[in-house]
C-alpha cells in the first residue's frame, strides 16, 4: 500500500499543484521568528487544512472517500508522484 499527501487539494484533480515560486519559497529556510518564517508557517497551516491524503489501499469500514482519504490506483499514485504533486510518500 502506498500513501501520498497532496499539496492543497481536496481531491485528485489534474492541475491542482503549487506554483513553482510558492514551492521554492516554502523550501527555503529562514531564521525562526523572522517575518518570512512566520509567513511560511501561515501558508503551510492553510495548505494542510485543505489536504486529504491519498492511498492505494481499499477503504476501511466507516471511511468516507474524499473526506478521510482519496482512494486511488497504484497507477494514478505513480502519475501524481512523477508530476511533483506529492509532498510525502510512505510504503506501508
PDB file of N, CA and C in Angstrom:
ATOM      1  N   UNK A   1       0.850  -1.171   0.000  1.00  0.00           N
ATOM      2  CA  UNK A   1       0.000   0.000   0.000  1.00  0.00           C
ATOM      3  C   UNK A   1       0.893   1.230   0.000  1.00  0.00           C
ATOM      4  N   UNK A   2       0.482   2.237  -0.738  1.00  0.00           N
ATOM      5  CA  UNK A   2       1.195   3.500  -0.804  1.00  0.00           C
ATOM      6  C   UNK A   2       0.303   4.596  -0.263  1.00  0.00           C
ATOM      7  N   UNK A   3       0.898   5.561   0.425  1.00  0.00           N
ATOM      8  CA  UNK A   3       0.156   6.690   0.971  1.00  0.00           C
ATOM      9  C   UNK A   3       0.825   7.957   0.503  1.00  0.00           C
ATOM     10  N   UNK A   4       0.040   8.915   0.054  1.00  0.00           N
ATOM     11  CA  UNK A   4       0.550  10.134  -0.546  1.00  0.00           C
ATOM     12  C   UNK A   4      -0.220  11.313   0.009  1.00  0.00           C
ATOM     13  N   UNK A   5       0.458  12.417   0.244  1.00  0.00           N
ATOM     14  CA  UNK A   5      -0.215  13.644   0.641  1.00  0.00           C
ATOM     15  C   UNK A   5      -0.065  14.657  -0.475  1.00  0.00           C
ATOM     16  N   UNK A   6      -1.179  15.269  -0.867  1.00  0.00           N
ATOM     17  CA  UNK A   6      -1.171  16.258  -1.938  1.00  0.00           C
ATOM     18  C   UNK A   6      -1.051  17.657  -1.377  1.00  0.00           C
ATOM     19  N   UNK A   7      -0.482  18.548  -2.171  1.00  0.00           N
ATOM     20  CA  UNK A   7      -0.429  19.963  -1.811  1.00  0.00           C
ATOM     21  C   UNK A   7      -1.800  20.588  -2.020  1.00  0.00           C
ATOM     22  N   UNK A   8      -2.380  21.135  -0.969  1.00  0.00           N
ATOM     23  CA  UNK A   8      -3.552  21.993  -1.043  1.00  0.00           C
ATOM     24  C   UNK A   8      -4.667  21.588  -1.972  1.00  0.00           C
ATOM     25  N   UNK A   9      -4.975  20.340  -2.069  1.00  0.00           N
ATOM     26  CA  UNK A   9      -6.034  19.901  -2.963  1.00  0.00           C
ATOM     27  C   UNK A   9      -6.979  18.983  -2.210  1.00  0.00           C
ATOM     28  N   UNK A  10      -8.265  19.269  -2.254  1.00  0.00           N
ATOM     29  CA  UNK A  10      -9.238  18.450  -1.540  1.00  0.00           C
ATOM     30  C   UNK A  10      -9.591  17.198  -2.309  1.00  0.00           C
ATOM     31  N   UNK A  11      -9.197  17.122  -3.569  1.00  0.00           N
ATOM     32  CA  UNK A  11      -9.449  15.922  -4.344  1.00  0.00           C
ATOM     33  C   UNK A  11      -8.356  15.780  -5.392  1.00  0.00           C
ATOM     34  N   UNK A  12      -8.304  14.623  -6.015  1.00  0.00           N
ATOM     35  CA  UNK A  12      -7.293  14.377  -7.036  1.00  0.00           C
ATOM     36  C   UNK A  12      -7.790  14.966  -8.341  1.00  0.00           C
ATOM     37  N   UNK A  13      -7.344  16.156  -8.649  1.00  0.00           N
ATOM     38  CA  UNK A  13      -7.760  16.850  -9.851  1.00  0.00           C
ATOM     39  C   UNK A  13      -6.509  17.340 -10.561  1.00  0.00           C
ATOM     40  N   UNK A  14      -6.393  17.028 -11.837  1.00  0.00           N
ATOM     41  CA  UNK A  14      -5.229  17.463 -12.594  1.00  0.00           C
ATOM     42  C   UNK A  14      -5.104  18.982 -12.556  1.00  0.00           C
ATOM     43  N   UNK A  15      -3.875  19.464 -12.411  1.00  0.00           N
ATOM     44  CA  UNK A  15      -3.616  20.899 -12.422  1.00  0.00           C
ATOM     45  C   UNK A  15      -3.688  21.571 -11.069  1.00  0.00           C
ATOM     46  N   UNK A  16      -4.044  20.868 -10.019  1.00  0.00           N
ATOM     47  CA  UNK A  16      -4.137  21.449  -8.682  1.00  0.00           C
ATOM     48  C   UNK A  16      -2.814  21.257  -7.962  1.00  0.00           C
ATOM     49  N   UNK A  17      -1.823  22.063  -8.312  1.00  0.00           N
ATOM     50  CA  UNK A  17      -0.499  21.961  -7.705  1.00  0.00           C
ATOM     51  C   UNK A  17      -0.025  23.347  -7.300  1.00  0.00           C
ATOM     52  N   UNK A  18       0.971  23.380  -6.433  1.00  0.00           N
ATOM     53  CA  UNK A  18       1.583  24.650  -6.065  1.00  0.00           C
ATOM     54  C   UNK A  18       2.389  25.171  -7.238  1.00  0.00           C
ATOM     55  N   UNK A  19       2.350  26.490  -7.433  1.00  0.00           N
ATOM     56  CA  UNK A  19       3.191  27.009  -8.498  1.00  0.00           C
ATOM     57  C   UNK A  19       4.648  26.937  -8.067  1.00  0.00           C
ATOM     58  N   UNK A  20       5.552  27.039  -9.015  1.00  0.00           N
ATOM     59  CA  UNK A  20       6.980  26.858  -8.770  1.00  0.00           C
ATOM     60  C   UNK A  20       7.518  27.857  -7.767  1.00  0.00           C
ATOM     61  N   UNK A  21       7.097  29.114  -7.845  1.00  0.00           N
ATOM     62  CA  UNK A  21       7.600  30.136  -6.933  1.00  0.00           C
ATOM     63  C   UNK A  21       7.204  29.849  -5.488  1.00  0.00           C
ATOM     64  N   UNK A  22       5.953  29.454  -5.276  1.00  0.00           N
ATOM     65  CA  UNK A  22       5.493  29.158  -3.918  1.00  0.00           C
ATOM     66  C   UNK A  22       6.196  27.914  -3.379  1.00  0.00           C
ATOM     67  N   UNK A  23       6.341  26.907  -4.211  1.00  0.00           N
ATOM     68  CA  UNK A  23       7.055  25.693  -3.800  1.00  0.00           C
ATOM     69  C   UNK A  23       8.487  26.033  -3.388  1.00  0.00           C
ATOM     70  N   UNK A  24       9.152  26.890  -4.175  1.00  0.00           N
ATOM     71  CA  UNK A  24      10.524  27.299  -3.854  1.00  0.00           C
ATOM     72  C   UNK A  24      10.557  28.074  -2.541  1.00  0.00           C
ATOM     73  N   UNK A  25       9.641  29.021  -2.369  1.00  0.00           N
ATOM     74  CA  UNK A  25       9.598  29.827  -1.141  1.00  0.00           C
ATOM     75  C   UNK A  25       9.423  28.943   0.089  1.00  0.00           C
ATOM     76  N   UNK A  26       8.552  27.955  -0.012  1.00  0.00           N
ATOM     77  CA  UNK A  26       8.303  27.069   1.124  1.00  0.00           C
ATOM     78  C   UNK A  26       9.488  26.149   1.410  1.00  0.00           C
ATOM     79  N   UNK A  27      10.364  25.952   0.424  1.00  0.00           N
ATOM     80  CA  UNK A  27      11.530  25.090   0.636  1.00  0.00           C
ATOM     81  C   UNK A  27      12.697  25.834   1.284  1.00  0.00           C
ATOM     82  N   UNK A  28      12.633  27.164   1.316  1.00  0.00           N
ATOM     83  CA  UNK A  28      13.711  27.955   1.896  1.00  0.00           C
ATOM     84  C   UNK A  28      13.683  27.875   3.421  1.00  0.00           C
ATOM     85  N   UNK A  29      14.853  28.033   4.029  1.00  0.00           N
ATOM     86  CA  UNK A  29      14.957  28.024   5.488  1.00  0.00           C
ATOM     87  C   UNK A  29      15.223  29.449   5.963  1.00  0.00           C
ATOM     88  N   UNK A  30      14.370  29.952   6.835  1.00  0.00           N
ATOM     89  CA  UNK A  30      14.517  31.292   7.385  1.00  0.00           C
ATOM     90  C   UNK A  30      14.745  31.191   8.888  1.00  0.00           C
ATOM     91  N   UNK A  31      15.344  32.230   9.439  1.00  0.00           N
ATOM     92  CA  UNK A  31      15.590  32.276  10.875  1.00  0.00           C
ATOM     93  C   UNK A  31      14.257  32.239  11.613  1.00  0.00           C
ATOM     94  N   UNK A  32      14.199  31.395  12.652  1.00  0.00           N
ATOM     95  CA  UNK A  32      12.981  31.286  13.451  1.00  0.00           C
ATOM     96  C   UNK A  32      12.607  32.652  14.011  1.00  0.00           C
ATOM     97  N   UNK A  33      11.342  33.002  13.927  1.00  0.00           N
ATOM     98  CA  UNK A  33      10.864  34.280  14.432  1.00  0.00           C
ATOM     99  C   UNK A  33      10.866  35.390  13.396  1.00  0.00           C
ATOM    100  N   UNK A  34      11.531  35.178  12.254  1.00  0.00           N
ATOM    101  CA  UNK A  34      11.542  36.204  11.205  1.00  0.00           C
ATOM    102  C   UNK A  34      10.177  36.267  10.530  1.00  0.00           C
ATOM    103  N   UNK A  35       9.905  37.367   9.852  1.00  0.00           N
ATOM    104  CA  UNK A  35       8.620  37.505   9.147  1.00  0.00           C
ATOM    105  C   UNK A  35       8.446  36.423   8.089  1.00  0.00           C
ATOM    106  N   UNK A  36       9.516  36.088   7.364  1.00  0.00           N
ATOM    107  CA  UNK A  36       9.416  35.041   6.345  1.00  0.00           C
ATOM    108  C   UNK A  36       9.101  33.688   6.968  1.00  0.00           C
ATOM    109  N   UNK A  37       9.718  33.386   8.099  1.00  0.00           N
ATOM    110  CA  UNK A  37       9.446  32.122   8.784  1.00  0.00           C
ATOM    111  C   UNK A  37       7.988  32.058   9.219  1.00  0.00           C
ATOM    112  N   UNK A  38       7.482  33.156   9.773  1.00  0.00           N
ATOM    113  CA  UNK A  38       6.078  33.204  10.207  1.00  0.00           C
ATOM    114  C   UNK A  38       5.133  33.055   9.010  1.00  0.00           C
ATOM    115  N   UNK A  39       5.469  33.727   7.901  1.00  0.00           N
ATOM    116  CA  UNK A  39       4.636  33.637   6.697  1.00  0.00           C
ATOM    117  C   UNK A  39       4.622  32.202   6.166  1.00  0.00           C
ATOM    118  N   UNK A  40       5.777  31.535   6.149  1.00  0.00           N
ATOM    119  CA  UNK A  40       5.820  30.136   5.726  1.00  0.00           C
ATOM    120  C   UNK A  40       4.878  29.279   6.574  1.00  0.00           C
ATOM    121  N   UNK A  41       4.903  29.483   7.876  1.00  0.00           N
ATOM    122  CA  UNK A  41       4.047  28.702   8.772  1.00  0.00           C
ATOM    123  C   UNK A  41       2.570  28.949   8.491  1.00  0.00           C
ATOM    124  N   UNK A  42       2.203  30.188   8.251  1.00  0.00           N
ATOM    125  CA  UNK A  42       0.810  30.516   7.934  1.00  0.00           C
ATOM    126  C   UNK A  42       0.384  29.840   6.633  1.00  0.00           C
ATOM    127  N   UNK A  43       1.250  29.907   5.626  1.00  0.00           N
ATOM    128  CA  UNK A  43       0.940  29.279   4.334  1.00  0.00           C
ATOM    129  C   UNK A  43       0.794  27.774   4.515  1.00  0.00           C
ATOM    130  N   UNK A  44       1.746  27.147   5.197  1.00  0.00           N
ATOM    131  CA  UNK A  44       1.684  25.696   5.408  1.00  0.00           C
ATOM    132  C   UNK A  44       0.434  25.295   6.186  1.00  0.00           C
ATOM    133  N   UNK A  45       0.135  26.040   7.250  1.00  0.00           N
ATOM    134  CA  UNK A  45      -1.051  25.727   8.044  1.00  0.00           C
ATOM    135  C   UNK A  45      -2.307  25.751   7.188  1.00  0.00           C
ATOM    136  N   UNK A  46      -2.423  26.733   6.318  1.00  0.00           N
ATOM    137  CA  UNK A  46      -3.600  26.847   5.456  1.00  0.00           C
ATOM    138  C   UNK A  46      -3.621  25.785   4.371  1.00  0.00           C
ATOM    139  N   UNK A  47      -2.468  25.430   3.839  1.00  0.00           N
ATOM    140  CA  UNK A  47      -2.415  24.362   2.833  1.00  0.00           C
ATOM    141  C   UNK A  47      -2.825  23.034   3.445  1.00  0.00           C
ATOM    142  N   UNK A  48      -2.293  22.717   4.628  1.00  0.00           N
ATOM    143  CA  UNK A  48      -2.561  21.428   5.232  1.00  0.00           C
ATOM    144  C   UNK A  48      -3.983  21.317   5.759  1.00  0.00           C
ATOM    145  N   UNK A  49      -4.652  22.437   6.011  1.00  0.00           N
ATOM    146  CA  UNK A  49      -6.063  22.385   6.376  1.00  0.00           C
ATOM    147  C   UNK A  49      -6.897  21.852   5.224  1.00  0.00           C
ATOM    148  N   UNK A  50      -6.400  22.026   4.007  1.00  0.00           N
ATOM    149  CA  UNK A  50      -7.130  21.626   2.810  1.00  0.00           C
ATOM    150  C   UNK A  50      -6.562  20.358   2.180  1.00  0.00           C
ATOM    151  N   UNK A  51      -5.761  19.629   2.911  1.00  0.00           N
ATOM    152  CA  UNK A  51      -5.093  18.454   2.368  1.00  0.00           C
ATOM    153  C   UNK A  51      -5.791  17.176   2.808  1.00  0.00           C
ATOM    154  N   UNK A  52      -6.041  16.318   1.845  1.00  0.00           N
ATOM    155  CA  UNK A  52      -6.593  14.993   2.119  1.00  0.00           C
ATOM    156  C   UNK A  52      -5.596  13.985   1.550  1.00  0.00           C
ATOM    157  N   UNK A  53      -5.097  13.064   2.380  1.00  0.00           N
ATOM    158  CA  UNK A  53      -4.116  12.105   1.880  1.00  0.00           C
ATOM    159  C   UNK A  53      -4.727  11.147   0.867  1.00  0.00           C
ATOM    160  N   UNK A  54      -3.877  10.669  -0.026  1.00  0.00           N
ATOM    161  CA  UNK A  54      -4.263   9.645  -0.998  1.00  0.00           C
ATOM    162  C   UNK A  54      -3.631   8.331  -0.584  1.00  0.00           C
ATOM    163  N   UNK A  55      -4.343   7.254  -0.835  1.00  0.00           N
ATOM    164  CA  UNK A  55      -3.808   5.930  -0.531  1.00  0.00           C
ATOM    165  C   UNK A  55      -4.251   4.950  -1.605  1.00  0.00           C
ATOM    166  N   UNK A  56      -3.437   3.907  -1.783  1.00  0.00           N
ATOM    167  CA  UNK A  56      -3.788   2.865  -2.751  1.00  0.00           C
ATOM    168  C   UNK A  56      -4.523   1.705  -2.099  1.00  0.00           C
ATOM    169  N   UNK A  57      -4.713   1.764  -0.782  1.00  0.00           N
ATOM    170  CA  UNK A  57      -5.438   0.683  -0.119  1.00  0.00           C
ATOM    171  C   UNK A  57      -6.953   0.878  -0.277  1.00  0.00           C
ATOM    172  N   UNK A  58      -7.691  -0.166   0.027  1.00  0.00           N
ATOM    173  CA  UNK A  58      -9.148  -0.093  -0.018  1.00  0.00           C
ATOM    174  C   UNK A  58      -9.671   0.626   1.223  1.00  0.00           C
ATOM    175  N   UNK A  59     -10.841   1.277   1.112  1.00  0.00           N
ATOM    176  CA  UNK A  59     -11.423   1.945   2.288  1.00  0.00           C
ATOM    177  C   UNK A  59     -11.761   0.940   3.391  1.00  0.00           C
ATOM    178  N   UNK A  60     -11.559   1.371   4.609  1.00  0.00           N
ATOM    179  CA  UNK A  60     -11.966   0.577   5.773  1.00  0.00           C
ATOM    180  C   UNK A  60     -13.387   0.975   6.155  1.00  0.00           C
ATOM    181  N   UNK A  61     -14.016   0.166   6.965  1.00  0.00           N
ATOM    182  CA  UNK A  61     -15.378   0.465   7.418  1.00  0.00           C
ATOM    183  C   UNK A  61     -15.438   1.856   8.029  1.00  0.00           C
ATOM    184  N   UNK A  62     -16.385   2.646   7.594  1.00  0.00           N
ATOM    185  CA  UNK A  62     -16.599   3.978   8.151  1.00  0.00           C
ATOM    186  C   UNK A  62     -15.801   5.088   7.482  1.00  0.00           C
ATOM    187  N   UNK A  63     -14.816   4.750   6.653  1.00  0.00           N
ATOM    188  CA  UNK A  63     -14.042   5.794   5.968  1.00  0.00           C
ATOM    189  C   UNK A  63     -14.825   6.322   4.779  1.00  0.00           C
ATOM    190  N   UNK A  64     -14.767   7.625   4.597  1.00  0.00           N
ATOM    191  CA  UNK A  64     -15.502   8.275   3.518  1.00  0.00           C
ATOM    192  C   UNK A  64     -14.509   8.750   2.459  1.00  0.00           C
ATOM    193  N   UNK A  65     -14.615   8.226   1.217  1.00  0.00           N
ATOM    194  CA  UNK A  65     -13.727   8.679   0.149  1.00  0.00           C
ATOM    195  C   UNK A  65     -13.849  10.195  -0.058  1.00  0.00           C
ATOM    196  N   UNK A  66     -12.705  10.857  -0.181  1.00  0.00           N
ATOM    197  CA  UNK A  66     -12.690  12.306  -0.380  1.00  0.00           C
ATOM    198  C   UNK A  66     -12.757  13.096   0.914  1.00  0.00           C
ATOM    199  N   UNK A  67     -13.016  12.400   2.023  1.00  0.00           N
ATOM    200  CA  UNK A  67     -13.044  13.051   3.334  1.00  0.00           C
ATOM    201  C   UNK A  67     -11.886  12.535   4.183  1.00  0.00           C
ATOM    202  N   UNK A  68     -11.855  11.211   4.374  1.00  0.00           N
ATOM    203  CA  UNK A  68     -10.774  10.600   5.147  1.00  0.00           C
ATOM    204  C   UNK A  68      -9.528  10.404   4.286  1.00  0.00           C
ATOM    205  N   UNK A  69      -9.703   9.904   3.085  1.00  0.00           N
ATOM    206  CA  UNK A  69      -8.634   9.660   2.117  1.00  0.00           C
ATOM    207  C   UNK A  69      -9.212   9.782   0.716  1.00  0.00           C
ATOM    208  N   UNK A  70      -8.315   9.997  -0.255  1.00  0.00           N
ATOM    209  CA  UNK A  70      -8.639   9.786  -1.659  1.00  0.00           C
ATOM    210  C   UNK A  70      -8.087   8.410  -1.991  1.00  0.00           C
ATOM    211  N   UNK A  71      -8.959   7.472  -2.332  1.00  0.00           N
ATOM    212  CA  UNK A  71      -8.550   6.106  -2.636  1.00  0.00           C
ATOM    213  C   UNK A  71      -8.287   6.025  -4.132  1.00  0.00           C
ATOM    214  N   UNK A  72      -7.018   5.796  -4.490  1.00  0.00           N
ATOM    215  CA  UNK A  72      -6.618   5.823  -5.898  1.00  0.00           C
ATOM    216  C   UNK A  72      -5.854   4.545  -6.252  1.00  0.00           C
ATOM    217  N   UNK A  73      -5.716   4.301  -7.548  1.00  0.00           N
ATOM    218  CA  UNK A  73      -4.964   3.136  -8.022  1.00  0.00           C
ATOM    219  C   UNK A  73      -3.467   3.401  -7.909  1.00  0.00           C
ATOM    220  N   UNK A  74      -2.689   2.331  -7.944  1.00  0.00           N
ATOM    221  CA  UNK A  74      -1.233   2.472  -7.913  1.00  0.00           C
ATOM    222  C   UNK A  74      -0.770   3.274  -9.132  1.00  0.00           C
ATOM    223  N   UNK A  75      -1.399   3.061 -10.277  1.00  0.00           N
ATOM    224  CA  UNK A  75      -1.054   3.810 -11.486  1.00  0.00           C
ATOM    225  C   UNK A  75      -1.267   5.306 -11.320  1.00  0.00           C
ATOM    226  N   UNK A  76      -2.419   5.681 -10.765  1.00  0.00           N
ATOM    227  CA  UNK A  76      -2.694   7.103 -10.508  1.00  0.00           C
ATOM    228  C   UNK A  76      -1.714   7.667  -9.486  1.00  0.00           C
ATOM    229  N   UNK A  77      -1.364   6.847  -8.491  1.00  0.00           N
ATOM    230  CA  UNK A  77      -0.397   7.258  -7.482  1.00  0.00           C
ATOM    231  C   UNK A  77       0.936   7.607  -8.140  1.00  0.00           C
ATOM    232  N   UNK A  78       1.407   6.741  -9.025  1.00  0.00           N
ATOM    233  CA  UNK A  78       2.690   6.976  -9.707  1.00  0.00           C
ATOM    234  C   UNK A  78       2.641   8.234 -10.566  1.00  0.00           C
ATOM    235  N   UNK A  79       1.509   8.480 -11.210  1.00  0.00           N
ATOM    236  CA  UNK A  79       1.360   9.692 -12.030  1.00  0.00           C
ATOM    237  C   UNK A  79       1.484  10.932 -11.154  1.00  0.00           C
ATOM    238  N   UNK A  80       0.813  10.942 -10.004  1.00  0.00           N
ATOM    239  CA  UNK A  80       0.908  12.075  -9.078  1.00  0.00           C
ATOM    240  C   UNK A  80       2.328  12.249  -8.560  1.00  0.00           C
ATOM    241  N   UNK A  81       2.962  11.135  -8.241  1.00  0.00           N
ATOM    242  CA  UNK A  81       4.331  11.171  -7.728  1.00  0.00           C
ATOM    243  C   UNK A  81       5.287  11.762  -8.766  1.00  0.00           C
ATOM    244  N   UNK A  82       5.159  11.335 -10.011  1.00  0.00           N
ATOM    245  CA  UNK A  82       6.040  11.810 -11.073  1.00  0.00           C
ATOM    246  C   UNK A  82       5.761  13.256 -11.458  1.00  0.00           C
ATOM    247  N   UNK A  83       4.540  13.719 -11.235  1.00  0.00           N
ATOM    248  CA  UNK A  83       4.184  15.096 -11.598  1.00  0.00           C
ATOM    249  C   UNK A  83       4.686  16.109 -10.575  1.00  0.00           C
ATOM    250  N   UNK A  84       5.161  15.633  -9.413  1.00  0.00           N
ATOM    251  CA  UNK A  84       5.635  16.543  -8.373  1.00  0.00           C
ATOM    252  C   UNK A  84       4.525  17.079  -7.497  1.00  0.00           C
ATOM    253  N   UNK A  85       3.338  16.501  -7.586  1.00  0.00           N
ATOM    254  CA  UNK A  85       2.194  16.944  -6.806  1.00  0.00           C
ATOM    255  C   UNK A  85       2.290  16.517  -5.348  1.00  0.00           C
ATOM    256  N   UNK A  86       2.968  15.410  -5.092  1.00  0.00           N
ATOM    257  CA  UNK A  86       3.006  14.870  -3.726  1.00  0.00           C
ATOM    258  C   UNK A  86       3.985  15.629  -2.844  1.00  0.00           C
ATOM    259  N   UNK A  87       3.694  15.603  -1.555  1.00  0.00           N
ATOM    260  CA  UNK A  87       4.616  16.179  -0.588  1.00  0.00           C
ATOM    261  C   UNK A  87       5.340  15.102   0.191  1.00  0.00           C
ATOM    262  N   UNK A  88       4.710  13.968   0.366  1.00  0.00           N
ATOM    263  CA  UNK A  88       5.302  12.866   1.113  1.00  0.00           C
ATOM    264  C   UNK A  88       4.835  11.551   0.527  1.00  0.00           C
ATOM    265  N   UNK A  89       5.662  10.534   0.733  1.00  0.00           N
ATOM    266  CA  UNK A  89       5.276   9.196   0.311  1.00  0.00           C
ATOM    267  C   UNK A  89       5.765   8.203   1.336  1.00  0.00           C
ATOM    268  N   UNK A  90       4.934   7.236   1.635  1.00  0.00           N
ATOM    269  CA  UNK A  90       5.315   6.160   2.532  1.00  0.00           C
ATOM    270  C   UNK A  90       4.954   4.831   1.892  1.00  0.00           C
ATOM    271  N   UNK A  91       5.806   3.843   2.020  1.00  0.00           N
ATOM    272  CA  UNK A  91       5.455   2.462   1.678  1.00  0.00           C
ATOM    273  C   UNK A  91       4.966   1.804   2.951  1.00  0.00           C
ATOM    274  N   UNK A  92       3.718   1.374   2.955  1.00  0.00           N
ATOM    275  CA  UNK A  92       3.150   0.758   4.151  1.00  0.00           C
ATOM    276  C   UNK A  92       2.829  -0.694   3.892  1.00  0.00           C
TER     277      UNK A  92
END
